[in-house]
């Protein structure tokens, strides 16, 4: 099992970049740099590529709407080059709140667009003249598509570090999970509950795996977790409360009623009534009550908070459920504690 760590959307980059060598020395395998309606991830990834030597780097995630497919491919090739072949392109559909609300682009056919983006990226990295005609994307743009008619298929000028840069899809819905298992090197689910994974994802993963190209190799399952390795019960309680509030934000407050991917996921894990209650309370402004309404077993199950022996047991549960990479957010209140938690995960994974 590999151990990864995400950066914060805000407030954590400078601190992490200053001490990134310590995490690399502790054995951290991969660092994920997110992008929402925040600073862009690409400039931060380039900076970190220059500060590291062994650590793998990944976007976690770039949405498939706000950059053209060719630009996503160019960006990935550039980051793979400056990092010496250490980059993974993490992409996802995001949601209409970001795509339409921040970028002003229509949120249409996320599944189809994601498939075509992956196909185009790999064609660019193979340095093929880019000539793609799909239901969602047409390149070059022809006169019939509304262009001048002067566009022609072009291929990437530079030779990429690798002809196939690994791609990771962040996905929760069954059809997107199936797409990840079919077409991507890695899949990133958020709030992964080992005991509920088969019910939530098993059928979709099997469906996609049946169409998977063997050249892709086994699917890397990258599970997002919060981690706090501590023998102090009070510290563990504070850590779990942070997990609870974070989970309540997503299950209760992300999206709208009837359009919340994380609420749907909690239902597939076996908590549909509880998820509905959390959403009702959260959207009505009762955030504390919404957090309190989350089942304790769900809060504990999607995190790694507690003594070393307990964390080891839970890591084994994640591994048994198919997880191959833990993308672990340290919850300790100081740098030393965060570093120790990551180092412990590395030791236990070995």
C-alpha atoms as a PDB file:
ATOM      1  CA  UNK A   1       0.000   0.000   0.000  1.00  0.00           C
ATOM      2  CA  UNK A   2       1.314   3.459  -0.939  1.00  0.00           C
ATOM      3  CA  UNK A   3       0.911   6.449   1.350  1.00  0.00           C
ATOM      4  CA  UNK A   4      -0.063   9.788  -0.125  1.00  0.00           C
ATOM      5  CA  UNK A   5      -1.017  13.164   1.303  1.00  0.00           C
ATOM      6  CA  UNK A   6      -3.118  16.022  -0.082  1.00  0.00           C
ATOM      7  CA  UNK A   7      -2.387  19.702   0.193  1.00  0.00           C
ATOM      8  CA  UNK A   8      -4.984  22.068   1.574  1.00  0.00           C
ATOM      9  CA  UNK A   9      -6.997  24.290  -0.769  1.00  0.00           C
ATOM     10  CA  UNK A  10      -5.759  27.284   1.182  1.00  0.00           C
ATOM     11  CA  UNK A  11      -3.478  28.156   4.019  1.00  0.00           C
ATOM     12  CA  UNK A  12      -1.310  25.066   3.842  1.00  0.00           C
ATOM     13  CA  UNK A  13       0.826  25.321   0.731  1.00  0.00           C
ATOM     14  CA  UNK A  14       3.681  27.497   1.952  1.00  0.00           C
ATOM     15  CA  UNK A  15       4.022  25.500   5.148  1.00  0.00           C
ATOM     16  CA  UNK A  16       3.974  22.146   3.380  1.00  0.00           C
ATOM     17  CA  UNK A  17       6.369  23.277   0.649  1.00  0.00           C
ATOM     18  CA  UNK A  18       8.825  24.472   3.295  1.00  0.00           C
ATOM     19  CA  UNK A  19       8.940  21.051   4.951  1.00  0.00           C
ATOM     20  CA  UNK A  20       8.183  18.808   1.966  1.00  0.00           C
ATOM     21  CA  UNK A  21      11.665  17.297   2.197  1.00  0.00           C
ATOM     22  CA  UNK A  22      10.792  15.966   5.642  1.00  0.00           C
ATOM     23  CA  UNK A  23       7.713  14.154   4.330  1.00  0.00           C
ATOM     24  CA  UNK A  24       9.750  12.813   1.419  1.00  0.00           C
ATOM     25  CA  UNK A  25      12.432  11.579   3.826  1.00  0.00           C
ATOM     26  CA  UNK A  26       9.740   9.961   5.993  1.00  0.00           C
ATOM     27  CA  UNK A  27       8.767   7.814   3.012  1.00  0.00           C
ATOM     28  CA  UNK A  28       5.694   9.605   1.665  1.00  0.00           C
ATOM     29  CA  UNK A  29       5.026   8.142  -1.782  1.00  0.00           C
ATOM     30  CA  UNK A  30       2.816  10.686  -3.523  1.00  0.00           C
ATOM     31  CA  UNK A  31       1.498  14.211  -2.964  1.00  0.00           C
ATOM     32  CA  UNK A  32      -1.913  15.270  -4.318  1.00  0.00           C
ATOM     33  CA  UNK A  33      -2.538  18.932  -5.153  1.00  0.00           C
ATOM     34  CA  UNK A  34      -6.240  19.827  -5.337  1.00  0.00           C
ATOM     35  CA  UNK A  35      -7.977  22.459  -7.419  1.00  0.00           C
ATOM     36  CA  UNK A  36     -11.499  23.723  -6.879  1.00  0.00           C
ATOM     37  CA  UNK A  37     -12.283  27.439  -7.078  1.00  0.00           C
ATOM     38  CA  UNK A  38      -8.916  28.037  -5.453  1.00  0.00           C
ATOM     39  CA  UNK A  39      -5.381  28.780  -6.569  1.00  0.00           C
ATOM     40  CA  UNK A  40      -4.659  26.692  -9.630  1.00  0.00           C
ATOM     41  CA  UNK A  41      -2.941  23.371  -8.961  1.00  0.00           C
ATOM     42  CA  UNK A  42      -0.552  23.510 -11.905  1.00  0.00           C
ATOM     43  CA  UNK A  43       1.682  26.321 -10.658  1.00  0.00           C
ATOM     44  CA  UNK A  44       1.898  24.668  -7.229  1.00  0.00           C
ATOM     45  CA  UNK A  45       2.774  21.298  -8.784  1.00  0.00           C
ATOM     46  CA  UNK A  46       5.569  22.882 -10.827  1.00  0.00           C
ATOM     47  CA  UNK A  47       6.966  24.503  -7.689  1.00  0.00           C
ATOM     48  CA  UNK A  48       6.873  21.203  -5.800  1.00  0.00           C
ATOM     49  CA  UNK A  49       8.515  19.353  -8.675  1.00  0.00           C
ATOM     50  CA  UNK A  50      11.557  21.583  -8.186  1.00  0.00           C
ATOM     51  CA  UNK A  51      11.569  20.984  -4.413  1.00  0.00           C
ATOM     52  CA  UNK A  52      11.445  17.167  -4.539  1.00  0.00           C
ATOM     53  CA  UNK A  53      13.470  14.338  -6.065  1.00  0.00           C
ATOM     54  CA  UNK A  54      11.625  11.055  -5.434  1.00  0.00           C
ATOM     55  CA  UNK A  55       8.109  12.036  -4.417  1.00  0.00           C
ATOM     56  CA  UNK A  56       5.391  11.416  -6.981  1.00  0.00           C
ATOM     57  CA  UNK A  57       3.047  14.307  -7.708  1.00  0.00           C
ATOM     58  CA  UNK A  58      -0.583  14.283  -8.802  1.00  0.00           C
ATOM     59  CA  UNK A  59      -3.343  16.732  -9.561  1.00  0.00           C
ATOM     60  CA  UNK A  60      -6.239  15.853  -7.362  1.00  0.00           C
ATOM     61  CA  UNK A  61      -8.197  17.000  -9.348  1.00  0.00           C
ATOM     62  CA  UNK A  62      -8.354  19.111 -12.523  1.00  0.00           C
ATOM     63  CA  UNK A  63     -11.888  19.324 -13.883  1.00  0.00           C
ATOM     64  CA  UNK A  64     -12.539  18.258 -17.477  1.00  0.00           C
ATOM     65  CA  UNK A  65     -14.415  21.424 -18.476  1.00  0.00           C
ATOM     66  CA  UNK A  66     -12.352  24.525 -17.700  1.00  0.00           C
ATOM     67  CA  UNK A  67      -9.301  23.426 -19.730  1.00  0.00           C
ATOM     68  CA  UNK A  68      -9.522  22.026 -23.240  1.00  0.00           C
ATOM     69  CA  UNK A  69      -8.555  18.361 -23.547  1.00  0.00           C
ATOM     70  CA  UNK A  70      -5.431  19.309 -25.491  1.00  0.00           C
ATOM     71  CA  UNK A  71      -4.410  21.784 -22.782  1.00  0.00           C
ATOM     72  CA  UNK A  72      -4.895  19.123 -20.108  1.00  0.00           C
ATOM     73  CA  UNK A  73      -2.615  16.847 -22.130  1.00  0.00           C
ATOM     74  CA  UNK A  74      -0.015  19.604 -22.667  1.00  0.00           C
ATOM     75  CA  UNK A  75      -0.088  20.501 -18.976  1.00  0.00           C
ATOM     76  CA  UNK A  76       0.362  16.891 -17.895  1.00  0.00           C
ATOM     77  CA  UNK A  77       3.237  16.416 -20.338  1.00  0.00           C
ATOM     78  CA  UNK A  78       4.907  19.568 -19.043  1.00  0.00           C
ATOM     79  CA  UNK A  79       4.559  18.567 -15.394  1.00  0.00           C
ATOM     80  CA  UNK A  80       5.772  15.060 -16.149  1.00  0.00           C
ATOM     81  CA  UNK A  81       8.799  16.581 -17.869  1.00  0.00           C
ATOM     82  CA  UNK A  82       9.804  19.004 -15.117  1.00  0.00           C
ATOM     83  CA  UNK A  83       9.327  16.290 -12.467  1.00  0.00           C
ATOM     84  CA  UNK A  84      11.324  13.682 -14.379  1.00  0.00           C
ATOM     85  CA  UNK A  85       8.394  11.344 -14.945  1.00  0.00           C
ATOM     86  CA  UNK A  86       6.774  11.617 -11.513  1.00  0.00           C
ATOM     87  CA  UNK A  87       3.385  13.084 -12.435  1.00  0.00           C
ATOM     88  CA  UNK A  88      -0.114  11.586 -12.456  1.00  0.00           C
ATOM     89  CA  UNK A  89      -2.942  13.479 -14.137  1.00  0.00           C
ATOM     90  CA  UNK A  90      -5.915  13.357 -11.806  1.00  0.00           C
ATOM     91  CA  UNK A  91      -9.129  14.563 -13.430  1.00  0.00           C
ATOM     92  CA  UNK A  92     -12.827  14.581 -12.637  1.00  0.00           C
ATOM     93  CA  UNK A  93     -16.126  16.071 -13.671  1.00  0.00           C
ATOM     94  CA  UNK A  94     -16.451  18.318 -10.594  1.00  0.00           C
ATOM     95  CA  UNK A  95     -20.044  19.593 -10.427  1.00  0.00           C
ATOM     96  CA  UNK A  96     -22.341  22.269 -11.822  1.00  0.00           C
ATOM     97  CA  UNK A  97     -21.779  24.523  -8.807  1.00  0.00           C
ATOM     98  CA  UNK A  98     -18.127  24.968  -9.821  1.00  0.00           C
ATOM     99  CA  UNK A  99     -18.251  24.429 -13.575  1.00  0.00           C
ATOM    100  CA  UNK A 100     -21.240  26.679 -14.197  1.00  0.00           C
ATOM    101  CA  UNK A 101     -21.000  28.889 -11.120  1.00  0.00           C
ATOM    102  CA  UNK A 102     -17.290  29.729 -11.305  1.00  0.00           C
ATOM    103  CA  UNK A 103     -16.234  28.979 -14.881  1.00  0.00           C
ATOM    104  CA  UNK A 104     -19.480  29.866 -16.677  1.00  0.00           C
ATOM    105  CA  UNK A 105     -19.488  26.699 -18.737  1.00  0.00           C
ATOM    106  CA  UNK A 106     -22.425  24.319 -19.246  1.00  0.00           C
ATOM    107  CA  UNK A 107     -22.189  21.140 -17.179  1.00  0.00           C
ATOM    108  CA  UNK A 108     -23.164  18.665 -19.870  1.00  0.00           C
ATOM    109  CA  UNK A 109     -22.536  14.943 -20.392  1.00  0.00           C
ATOM    110  CA  UNK A 110     -19.846  14.552 -17.688  1.00  0.00           C
ATOM    111  CA  UNK A 111     -19.389  10.840 -18.374  1.00  0.00           C
ATOM    112  CA  UNK A 112     -19.026  11.226 -22.124  1.00  0.00           C
ATOM    113  CA  UNK A 113     -16.748  14.234 -21.833  1.00  0.00           C
ATOM    114  CA  UNK A 114     -14.473  12.463 -19.374  1.00  0.00           C
ATOM    115  CA  UNK A 115     -14.112   9.471 -21.697  1.00  0.00           C
ATOM    116  CA  UNK A 116     -13.224  11.685 -24.657  1.00  0.00           C
ATOM    117  CA  UNK A 117     -10.761  13.747 -22.606  1.00  0.00           C
ATOM    118  CA  UNK A 118      -8.900  10.573 -21.647  1.00  0.00           C
ATOM    119  CA  UNK A 119      -8.817   9.425 -25.285  1.00  0.00           C
ATOM    120  CA  UNK A 120      -7.539  12.808 -26.493  1.00  0.00           C
ATOM    121  CA  UNK A 121      -4.861  13.080 -23.805  1.00  0.00           C
ATOM    122  CA  UNK A 122      -3.408   9.702 -24.718  1.00  0.00           C
ATOM    123  CA  UNK A 123      -3.429  10.579 -28.425  1.00  0.00           C
ATOM    124  CA  UNK A 124      -1.526  13.807 -27.674  1.00  0.00           C
ATOM    125  CA  UNK A 125       1.072  11.967 -25.564  1.00  0.00           C
ATOM    126  CA  UNK A 126       1.578   9.467 -28.397  1.00  0.00           C
ATOM    127  CA  UNK A 127       2.274  12.514 -30.589  1.00  0.00           C
ATOM    128  CA  UNK A 128      -0.432  11.590 -33.061  1.00  0.00           C
ATOM    129  CA  UNK A 129      -1.973  14.357 -35.207  1.00  0.00           C
ATOM    130  CA  UNK A 130      -5.008  15.300 -33.145  1.00  0.00           C
ATOM    131  CA  UNK A 131      -8.128  14.442 -35.124  1.00  0.00           C
ATOM    132  CA  UNK A 132     -11.020  13.557 -32.827  1.00  0.00           C
ATOM    133  CA  UNK A 133     -14.715  13.415 -33.622  1.00  0.00           C
ATOM    134  CA  UNK A 134     -16.874  12.535 -30.656  1.00  0.00           C
ATOM    135  CA  UNK A 135     -20.343  13.224 -29.314  1.00  0.00           C
ATOM    136  CA  UNK A 136     -19.000  15.963 -27.027  1.00  0.00           C
ATOM    137  CA  UNK A 137     -15.690  17.129 -28.490  1.00  0.00           C
ATOM    138  CA  UNK A 138     -14.528  17.793 -32.046  1.00  0.00           C
ATOM    139  CA  UNK A 139     -10.917  18.688 -32.825  1.00  0.00           C
ATOM    140  CA  UNK A 140      -9.989  20.372 -35.148  1.00  0.00           C
ATOM    141  CA  UNK A 141     -12.979  22.667 -35.132  1.00  0.00           C
ATOM    142  CA  UNK A 142     -14.467  22.624 -38.635  1.00  0.00           C
ATOM    143  CA  UNK A 143     -16.554  25.204 -40.445  1.00  0.00           C
ATOM    144  CA  UNK A 144     -19.568  22.982 -39.808  1.00  0.00           C
ATOM    145  CA  UNK A 145     -18.746  23.149 -36.074  1.00  0.00           C
ATOM    146  CA  UNK A 146     -18.666  26.953 -36.189  1.00  0.00           C
ATOM    147  CA  UNK A 147     -14.960  27.438 -36.885  1.00  0.00           C
ATOM    148  CA  UNK A 148     -13.180  29.141 -39.772  1.00  0.00           C
ATOM    149  CA  UNK A 149     -12.351  25.857 -41.454  1.00  0.00           C
ATOM    150  CA  UNK A 150      -8.641  26.668 -41.268  1.00  0.00           C
ATOM    151  CA  UNK A 151      -7.826  24.347 -38.395  1.00  0.00           C
ATOM    152  CA  UNK A 152      -5.830  21.219 -39.119  1.00  0.00           C
ATOM    153  CA  UNK A 153      -4.705  18.221 -37.041  1.00  0.00           C
ATOM    154  CA  UNK A 154      -1.550  19.038 -35.111  1.00  0.00           C
ATOM    155  CA  UNK A 155       0.692  16.899 -32.951  1.00  0.00           C
ATOM    156  CA  UNK A 156       2.584  17.862 -29.812  1.00  0.00           C
ATOM    157  CA  UNK A 157       5.894  19.505 -30.714  1.00  0.00           C
ATOM    158  CA  UNK A 158       7.832  18.171 -27.717  1.00  0.00           C
ATOM    159  CA  UNK A 159       8.471  14.492 -27.051  1.00  0.00           C
ATOM    160  CA  UNK A 160       6.842  13.650 -23.698  1.00  0.00           C
ATOM    161  CA  UNK A 161       8.781  12.077 -20.879  1.00  0.00           C
ATOM    162  CA  UNK A 162       6.397   9.114 -21.147  1.00  0.00           C
ATOM    163  CA  UNK A 163       4.072   8.131 -23.967  1.00  0.00           C
ATOM    164  CA  UNK A 164       1.467   7.144 -21.371  1.00  0.00           C
ATOM    165  CA  UNK A 165       1.223   9.397 -18.333  1.00  0.00           C
ATOM    166  CA  UNK A 166      -0.845   7.739 -15.583  1.00  0.00           C
ATOM    167  CA  UNK A 167      -4.354   9.105 -15.261  1.00  0.00           C
ATOM    168  CA  UNK A 168      -6.573   9.041 -12.187  1.00  0.00           C
ATOM    169  CA  UNK A 169     -10.324   9.599 -12.183  1.00  0.00           C
ATOM    170  CA  UNK A 170     -12.088  10.971  -9.124  1.00  0.00           C
ATOM    171  CA  UNK A 171     -15.524   9.357  -9.193  1.00  0.00           C
ATOM    172  CA  UNK A 172     -18.383   8.281  -6.926  1.00  0.00           C
ATOM    173  CA  UNK A 173     -21.380   7.543  -9.147  1.00  0.00           C
ATOM    174  CA  UNK A 174     -21.701   4.010 -10.539  1.00  0.00           C
ATOM    175  CA  UNK A 175     -21.234   4.948 -14.200  1.00  0.00           C
ATOM    176  CA  UNK A 176     -18.164   7.071 -13.480  1.00  0.00           C
ATOM    177  CA  UNK A 177     -16.694   4.380 -11.233  1.00  0.00           C
ATOM    178  CA  UNK A 178     -17.159   1.877 -14.049  1.00  0.00           C
ATOM    179  CA  UNK A 179     -15.391   4.302 -16.398  1.00  0.00           C
ATOM    180  CA  UNK A 180     -12.457   4.568 -13.980  1.00  0.00           C
ATOM    181  CA  UNK A 181     -12.116   0.787 -13.825  1.00  0.00           C
ATOM    182  CA  UNK A 182     -12.276   0.546 -17.613  1.00  0.00           C
ATOM    183  CA  UNK A 183     -10.070   3.398 -18.796  1.00  0.00           C
ATOM    184  CA  UNK A 184      -7.840   4.791 -16.033  1.00  0.00           C
ATOM    185  CA  UNK A 185      -4.727   3.723 -14.183  1.00  0.00           C
ATOM    186  CA  UNK A 186      -6.137   4.953 -10.866  1.00  0.00           C
ATOM    187  CA  UNK A 187      -9.473   5.734  -9.230  1.00  0.00           C
ATOM    188  CA  UNK A 188      -9.972   8.182  -6.353  1.00  0.00           C
ATOM    189  CA  UNK A 189     -13.097   7.799  -4.185  1.00  0.00           C
ATOM    190  CA  UNK A 190     -13.678  10.172  -1.294  1.00  0.00           C
ATOM    191  CA  UNK A 191     -15.044   8.964   2.086  1.00  0.00           C
ATOM    192  CA  UNK A 192     -14.173   5.327   1.387  1.00  0.00           C
ATOM    193  CA  UNK A 193     -15.837   2.968   3.860  1.00  0.00           C
ATOM    194  CA  UNK A 194     -14.232  -0.496   3.627  1.00  0.00           C
ATOM    195  CA  UNK A 195     -17.260  -2.258   5.082  1.00  0.00           C
ATOM    196  CA  UNK A 196     -19.583  -0.585   2.552  1.00  0.00           C
ATOM    197  CA  UNK A 197     -17.306  -0.561  -0.486  1.00  0.00           C
ATOM    198  CA  UNK A 198     -18.618  -3.725  -2.115  1.00  0.00           C
ATOM    199  CA  UNK A 199     -22.226  -2.574  -1.860  1.00  0.00           C
ATOM    200  CA  UNK A 200     -21.406   0.941  -3.066  1.00  0.00           C
ATOM    201  CA  UNK A 201     -18.856   0.208  -5.793  1.00  0.00           C
ATOM    202  CA  UNK A 202     -18.489  -3.524  -6.419  1.00  0.00           C
ATOM    203  CA  UNK A 203     -20.873  -3.907  -9.345  1.00  0.00           C
ATOM    204  CA  UNK A 204     -19.565  -0.795 -11.128  1.00  0.00           C
ATOM    205  CA  UNK A 205     -15.921  -1.814 -10.665  1.00  0.00           C
ATOM    206  CA  UNK A 206     -16.617  -5.287 -12.040  1.00  0.00           C
ATOM    207  CA  UNK A 207     -18.463  -3.829 -15.028  1.00  0.00           C
ATOM    208  CA  UNK A 208     -15.562  -1.536 -15.903  1.00  0.00           C
ATOM    209  CA  UNK A 209     -12.893  -4.162 -15.242  1.00  0.00           C
ATOM    210  CA  UNK A 210     -14.531  -6.475 -17.777  1.00  0.00           C
ATOM    211  CA  UNK A 211     -13.718  -3.891 -20.492  1.00  0.00           C
ATOM    212  CA  UNK A 212     -10.265  -2.925 -19.137  1.00  0.00           C
ATOM    213  CA  UNK A 213      -7.197  -3.023 -21.386  1.00  0.00           C
ATOM    214  CA  UNK A 214      -4.654  -5.371 -19.719  1.00  0.00           C
ATOM    215  CA  UNK A 215      -1.891  -2.907 -20.623  1.00  0.00           C
ATOM    216  CA  UNK A 216      -3.290  -0.535 -17.993  1.00  0.00           C
ATOM    217  CA  UNK A 217      -2.341  -2.988 -15.231  1.00  0.00           C
ATOM    218  CA  UNK A 218      -4.284  -3.345 -11.967  1.00  0.00           C
ATOM    219  CA  UNK A 219      -6.449  -0.406 -10.921  1.00  0.00           C
ATOM    220  CA  UNK A 220      -4.808   1.748  -8.246  1.00  0.00           C
ATOM    221  CA  UNK A 221      -7.557   2.548  -5.699  1.00  0.00           C
ATOM    222  CA  UNK A 222      -6.682   5.867  -4.036  1.00  0.00           C
ATOM    223  CA  UNK A 223      -8.838   6.314  -0.932  1.00  0.00           C
ATOM    224  CA  UNK A 224      -9.057   9.703   0.789  1.00  0.00           C
ATOM    225  CA  UNK A 225      -8.844   9.424   4.585  1.00  0.00           C
ATOM    226  CA  UNK A 226      -8.151  11.624   7.594  1.00  0.00           C
ATOM    227  CA  UNK A 227      -5.414  10.344   9.899  1.00  0.00           C
ATOM    228  CA  UNK A 228      -4.388  10.999  13.486  1.00  0.00           C
ATOM    229  CA  UNK A 229      -2.225   8.399  15.204  1.00  0.00           C
ATOM    230  CA  UNK A 230      -2.395   9.132  18.922  1.00  0.00           C
ATOM    231  CA  UNK A 231      -2.581   7.308  22.246  1.00  0.00           C
ATOM    232  CA  UNK A 232      -4.330  10.336  23.792  1.00  0.00           C
ATOM    233  CA  UNK A 233      -8.092   9.737  23.963  1.00  0.00           C
ATOM    234  CA  UNK A 234      -8.926  13.439  24.180  1.00  0.00           C
ATOM    235  CA  UNK A 235      -6.823  14.220  21.119  1.00  0.00           C
ATOM    236  CA  UNK A 236      -8.493  11.367  19.258  1.00  0.00           C
ATOM    237  CA  UNK A 237     -11.932  12.708  20.199  1.00  0.00           C
ATOM    238  CA  UNK A 238     -10.994  16.131  18.848  1.00  0.00           C
ATOM    239  CA  UNK A 239      -9.739  14.540  15.653  1.00  0.00           C
ATOM    240  CA  UNK A 240     -12.927  12.552  15.128  1.00  0.00           C
ATOM    241  CA  UNK A 241     -14.962  15.708  15.699  1.00  0.00           C
ATOM    242  CA  UNK A 242     -13.075  17.360  12.842  1.00  0.00           C
ATOM    243  CA  UNK A 243     -13.829  14.343  10.661  1.00  0.00           C
ATOM    244  CA  UNK A 244     -17.493  14.528  11.669  1.00  0.00           C
ATOM    245  CA  UNK A 245     -17.821  18.200  10.746  1.00  0.00           C
ATOM    246  CA  UNK A 246     -16.003  17.722   7.453  1.00  0.00           C
ATOM    247  CA  UNK A 247     -18.217  14.774   6.565  1.00  0.00           C
ATOM    248  CA  UNK A 248     -21.345  16.734   7.511  1.00  0.00           C
ATOM    249  CA  UNK A 249     -20.321  19.546   5.170  1.00  0.00           C
ATOM    250  CA  UNK A 250     -20.195  17.165   2.224  1.00  0.00           C
ATOM    251  CA  UNK A 251     -23.118  14.864   3.051  1.00  0.00           C
ATOM    252  CA  UNK A 252     -25.290  17.766   4.147  1.00  0.00           C
ATOM    253  CA  UNK A 253     -24.106  20.908   2.449  1.00  0.00           C
ATOM    254  CA  UNK A 254     -22.598  20.090  -0.936  1.00  0.00           C
ATOM    255  CA  UNK A 255     -24.919  20.475  -3.905  1.00  0.00           C
ATOM    256  CA  UNK A 256     -28.652  20.755  -3.475  1.00  0.00           C
ATOM    257  CA  UNK A 257     -31.470  18.522  -2.337  1.00  0.00           C
ATOM    258  CA  UNK A 258     -31.668  15.679  -4.809  1.00  0.00           C
ATOM    259  CA  UNK A 259     -28.251  16.553  -6.340  1.00  0.00           C
ATOM    260  CA  UNK A 260     -25.564  15.681  -3.799  1.00  0.00           C
ATOM    261  CA  UNK A 261     -23.111  12.938  -4.805  1.00  0.00           C
ATOM    262  CA  UNK A 262     -21.809  12.525  -1.236  1.00  0.00           C
ATOM    263  CA  UNK A 263     -25.283  12.204   0.220  1.00  0.00           C
ATOM    264  CA  UNK A 264     -26.030   9.531  -2.364  1.00  0.00           C
ATOM    265  CA  UNK A 265     -22.841   7.709  -1.373  1.00  0.00           C
ATOM    266  CA  UNK A 266     -23.811   7.648   2.302  1.00  0.00           C
ATOM    267  CA  UNK A 267     -27.095   6.101   1.221  1.00  0.00           C
ATOM    268  CA  UNK A 268     -25.298   3.407  -0.783  1.00  0.00           C
ATOM    269  CA  UNK A 269     -23.205   2.668   2.290  1.00  0.00           C
ATOM    270  CA  UNK A 270     -26.427   1.785   4.079  1.00  0.00           C
ATOM    271  CA  UNK A 271     -27.395   5.095   5.704  1.00  0.00           C
ATOM    272  CA  UNK A 272     -30.067   6.653   3.449  1.00  0.00           C
ATOM    273  CA  UNK A 273     -32.323   7.891   6.269  1.00  0.00           C
ATOM    274  CA  UNK A 274     -29.425   9.304   8.254  1.00  0.00           C
ATOM    275  CA  UNK A 275     -28.010  11.019   5.164  1.00  0.00           C
ATOM    276  CA  UNK A 276     -31.368  12.625   4.410  1.00  0.00           C
ATOM    277  CA  UNK A 277     -31.587  13.889   7.996  1.00  0.00           C
ATOM    278  CA  UNK A 278     -28.063  15.326   7.876  1.00  0.00           C
ATOM    279  CA  UNK A 279     -28.870  17.174   4.656  1.00  0.00           C
ATOM    280  CA  UNK A 280     -32.147  18.513   5.989  1.00  0.00           C
ATOM    281  CA  UNK A 281     -30.491  19.884   9.123  1.00  0.00           C
ATOM    282  CA  UNK A 282     -27.475  21.281   7.321  1.00  0.00           C
ATOM    283  CA  UNK A 283     -29.408  23.108   4.616  1.00  0.00           C
ATOM    284  CA  UNK A 284     -31.735  24.524   7.274  1.00  0.00           C
ATOM    285  CA  UNK A 285     -28.699  26.070   8.998  1.00  0.00           C
ATOM    286  CA  UNK A 286     -28.365  23.594  11.901  1.00  0.00           C
ATOM    287  CA  UNK A 287     -24.804  22.542  11.144  1.00  0.00           C
ATOM    288  CA  UNK A 288     -24.001  21.282  14.655  1.00  0.00           C
ATOM    289  CA  UNK A 289     -27.108  19.106  14.723  1.00  0.00           C
ATOM    290  CA  UNK A 290     -26.315  17.853  11.225  1.00  0.00           C
ATOM    291  CA  UNK A 291     -22.849  16.749  12.327  1.00  0.00           C
ATOM    292  CA  UNK A 292     -24.290  15.074  15.424  1.00  0.00           C
ATOM    293  CA  UNK A 293     -26.754  13.147  13.256  1.00  0.00           C
ATOM    294  CA  UNK A 294     -23.980  11.297  11.404  1.00  0.00           C
ATOM    295  CA  UNK A 295     -23.658   7.661  12.499  1.00  0.00           C
ATOM    296  CA  UNK A 296     -20.612   7.096  14.688  1.00  0.00           C
ATOM    297  CA  UNK A 297     -19.623   3.975  12.740  1.00  0.00           C
ATOM    298  CA  UNK A 298     -19.525   5.992   9.511  1.00  0.00           C
ATOM    299  CA  UNK A 299     -17.340   8.719  11.036  1.00  0.00           C
ATOM    300  CA  UNK A 300     -14.916   6.147  12.449  1.00  0.00           C
ATOM    301  CA  UNK A 301     -15.051   3.918   9.397  1.00  0.00           C
ATOM    302  CA  UNK A 302     -13.926   6.505   6.826  1.00  0.00           C
ATOM    303  CA  UNK A 303     -11.011   7.772   8.943  1.00  0.00           C
ATOM    304  CA  UNK A 304      -7.863   6.551  10.679  1.00  0.00           C
ATOM    305  CA  UNK A 305      -8.000   8.154  14.117  1.00  0.00           C
ATOM    306  CA  UNK A 306      -6.770   6.472  17.292  1.00  0.00           C
ATOM    307  CA  UNK A 307      -3.880   4.452  18.713  1.00  0.00           C
ATOM    308  CA  UNK A 308      -1.287   2.876  16.454  1.00  0.00           C
ATOM    309  CA  UNK A 309      -2.743  -0.612  16.944  1.00  0.00           C
ATOM    310  CA  UNK A 310      -6.234   0.560  15.963  1.00  0.00           C
ATOM    311  CA  UNK A 311      -4.924   2.430  12.908  1.00  0.00           C
ATOM    312  CA  UNK A 312      -3.063  -0.719  11.846  1.00  0.00           C
ATOM    313  CA  UNK A 313      -6.285  -2.731  12.049  1.00  0.00           C
ATOM    314  CA  UNK A 314      -8.171  -0.184  10.000  1.00  0.00           C
ATOM    315  CA  UNK A 315      -5.405   0.002   7.384  1.00  0.00           C
ATOM    316  CA  UNK A 316      -5.716  -3.764   6.994  1.00  0.00           C
ATOM    317  CA  UNK A 317      -9.460  -3.322   6.484  1.00  0.00           C
ATOM    318  CA  UNK A 318      -8.832  -0.749   3.746  1.00  0.00           C
ATOM    319  CA  UNK A 319      -6.318  -3.064   2.067  1.00  0.00           C
ATOM    320  CA  UNK A 320      -8.721  -6.017   2.261  1.00  0.00           C
ATOM    321  CA  UNK A 321     -11.371  -3.844   0.585  1.00  0.00           C
ATOM    322  CA  UNK A 322      -9.057  -3.185  -2.374  1.00  0.00           C
ATOM    323  CA  UNK A 323      -7.340   0.090  -1.449  1.00  0.00           C
ATOM    324  CA  UNK A 324      -3.790   0.345  -2.806  1.00  0.00           C
ATOM    325  CA  UNK A 325      -3.037   4.003  -1.961  1.00  0.00           C
ATOM    326  CA  UNK A 326      -4.127   5.972   1.095  1.00  0.00           C
ATOM    327  CA  UNK A 327      -4.414   9.706   0.434  1.00  0.00           C
ATOM    328  CA  UNK A 328      -4.156  10.687   4.081  1.00  0.00           C
ATOM    329  CA  UNK A 329      -4.874  14.132   5.497  1.00  0.00           C
ATOM    330  CA  UNK A 330      -3.026  14.486   8.842  1.00  0.00           C
ATOM    331  CA  UNK A 331      -5.189  15.994  11.590  1.00  0.00           C
ATOM    332  CA  UNK A 332      -2.555  16.632  14.251  1.00  0.00           C
ATOM    333  CA  UNK A 333      -2.449  20.178  15.560  1.00  0.00           C
ATOM    334  CA  UNK A 334       1.265  20.777  14.852  1.00  0.00           C
ATOM    335  CA  UNK A 335       3.788  19.867  12.178  1.00  0.00           C
ATOM    336  CA  UNK A 336       5.574  17.326  14.342  1.00  0.00           C
ATOM    337  CA  UNK A 337       2.354  15.438  14.985  1.00  0.00           C
ATOM    338  CA  UNK A 338       1.369  15.503  11.332  1.00  0.00           C
ATOM    339  CA  UNK A 339       4.774  14.210  10.277  1.00  0.00           C
ATOM    340  CA  UNK A 340       4.654  11.429  12.874  1.00  0.00           C
ATOM    341  CA  UNK A 341       1.237  10.310  11.680  1.00  0.00           C
ATOM    342  CA  UNK A 342       2.434  10.087   8.087  1.00  0.00           C
ATOM    343  CA  UNK A 343       5.620   8.288   9.112  1.00  0.00           C
ATOM    344  CA  UNK A 344       3.575   5.779  11.101  1.00  0.00           C
ATOM    345  CA  UNK A 345       1.369   5.053   8.098  1.00  0.00           C
ATOM    346  CA  UNK A 346       4.495   4.478   6.004  1.00  0.00           C
ATOM    347  CA  UNK A 347       5.847   2.057   8.613  1.00  0.00           C
ATOM    348  CA  UNK A 348       2.572   0.181   8.884  1.00  0.00           C
ATOM    349  CA  UNK A 349       2.149   0.005   5.116  1.00  0.00           C
ATOM    350  CA  UNK A 350       5.583  -1.605   4.832  1.00  0.00           C
END
